[in-house]
Protein backbone atom coordinates (compact mmCIF):
# COMPACT_ATOMS: atom_id res chain seq x y z
CA MET A 1 -8.23 4.63 1.49
CA ASN A 2 -6.21 1.90 -0.53
CA GLU A 3 -2.34 2.17 0.16
CA LEU A 4 -1.84 2.25 -3.67
CA ILE A 5 -3.75 5.52 -4.03
CA ILE A 6 -2.23 8.49 -2.45
CA SER A 7 -2.92 12.41 -2.42
CA ASN A 8 -0.74 15.06 -1.87
CA PRO A 9 -1.12 18.85 -2.61
CA LYS A 10 2.26 19.11 -4.04
CA THR A 11 1.90 16.35 -6.54
CA MET A 12 -0.47 16.88 -9.54
CA MET A 13 -2.37 19.72 -7.72
CA GLY A 14 -3.49 16.94 -5.09
CA LYS A 15 -5.38 14.85 -7.40
CA PRO A 16 -5.29 11.14 -6.46
CA VAL A 17 -2.24 9.26 -7.86
CA ILE A 18 -0.90 5.92 -7.78
CA LYS A 19 1.69 5.85 -5.15
CA GLY A 20 5.28 6.18 -6.41
CA THR A 21 4.13 7.80 -9.78
CA ARG A 22 2.51 11.02 -11.23
CA ILE A 23 -0.24 8.85 -12.94
CA THR A 24 -3.56 10.20 -11.82
CA VAL A 25 -6.64 7.89 -11.12
CA GLU A 26 -8.42 10.38 -13.40
CA LEU A 27 -6.01 9.47 -16.30
CA ILE A 28 -6.56 5.77 -15.57
CA LEU A 29 -10.24 6.07 -15.75
CA GLU A 30 -10.28 8.17 -18.94
CA LYS A 31 -8.25 5.56 -20.77
CA ILE A 32 -10.48 2.63 -19.58
CA ALA A 33 -13.79 4.88 -20.61
CA SER A 34 -12.15 5.72 -23.93
CA GLY A 35 -11.83 1.97 -24.67
CA GLU A 36 -8.23 1.16 -23.98
CA SER A 37 -7.61 -2.21 -22.66
CA ILE A 38 -5.78 -2.67 -19.13
CA ASP A 39 -2.93 -4.22 -21.21
CA GLN A 40 -2.64 -1.17 -23.55
CA ILE A 41 -2.40 0.93 -20.42
CA LEU A 42 0.12 -1.26 -18.75
CA ASN A 43 2.23 -1.04 -22.10
CA GLU A 44 2.09 2.75 -22.13
CA HIS A 45 2.71 3.24 -18.45
CA PRO A 46 5.33 0.31 -17.34
CA ARG A 47 5.24 1.52 -13.68
CA LEU A 48 1.60 0.59 -13.46
CA THR A 49 0.29 -2.79 -12.46
CA HIS A 50 -2.85 -4.59 -12.59
CA GLU A 51 -3.37 -3.95 -8.73
CA ALA A 52 -2.84 -0.39 -9.38
CA ILE A 53 -5.51 0.01 -12.08
CA GLN A 54 -8.07 -2.09 -9.92
CA ALA A 55 -7.30 0.29 -7.13
CA SER A 56 -8.13 3.24 -9.20
CA CYS A 57 -11.36 1.88 -10.16
CA ALA A 58 -12.27 1.11 -6.52
CA PHE A 59 -11.16 4.37 -5.35
CA ALA A 60 -13.63 6.23 -7.76
CA ALA A 61 -16.47 3.64 -7.04
CA GLU A 62 -15.99 4.66 -3.43
CA ALA A 63 -15.66 8.25 -4.10
CA LEU A 64 -19.32 8.14 -5.95
CA LYS A 65 -20.56 6.53 -2.88
CA ALA A 66 -20.77 10.02 -1.22
CA ASP A 67 -24.24 11.82 -0.82
CA VAL A 68 -24.05 13.87 -3.84
CA VAL A 69 -26.29 13.92 -6.71
CA TYR A 70 -24.69 13.96 -10.00
CA PRO A 71 -27.47 15.34 -12.60
CA VAL A 72 -27.19 13.80 -16.01
CA GLU A 73 -29.05 15.23 -18.90
CA GLU A 74 -31.31 12.83 -20.62
CA ALA A 75 -30.78 12.20 -24.17
CA THR A 76 -33.41 13.47 -26.42
CA ALA A 77 -34.81 11.16 -29.29
């Protein structure tokens, strides 16, 4: 695991967070998915760095490599 991402059952219910913060990987990904720019995220959370945001994305990508099927509903036209 990247040294910037940690998980502790006593912090944010064990969700992966950026080391030294209570900012979850989940929050960062939600912000990116909603269209926020990296600069906007960094301005809102001054303790974050570009490297921490990249680490969050890498952590999520690695987590999705697990042998789990994630069903996605097909859009109907």
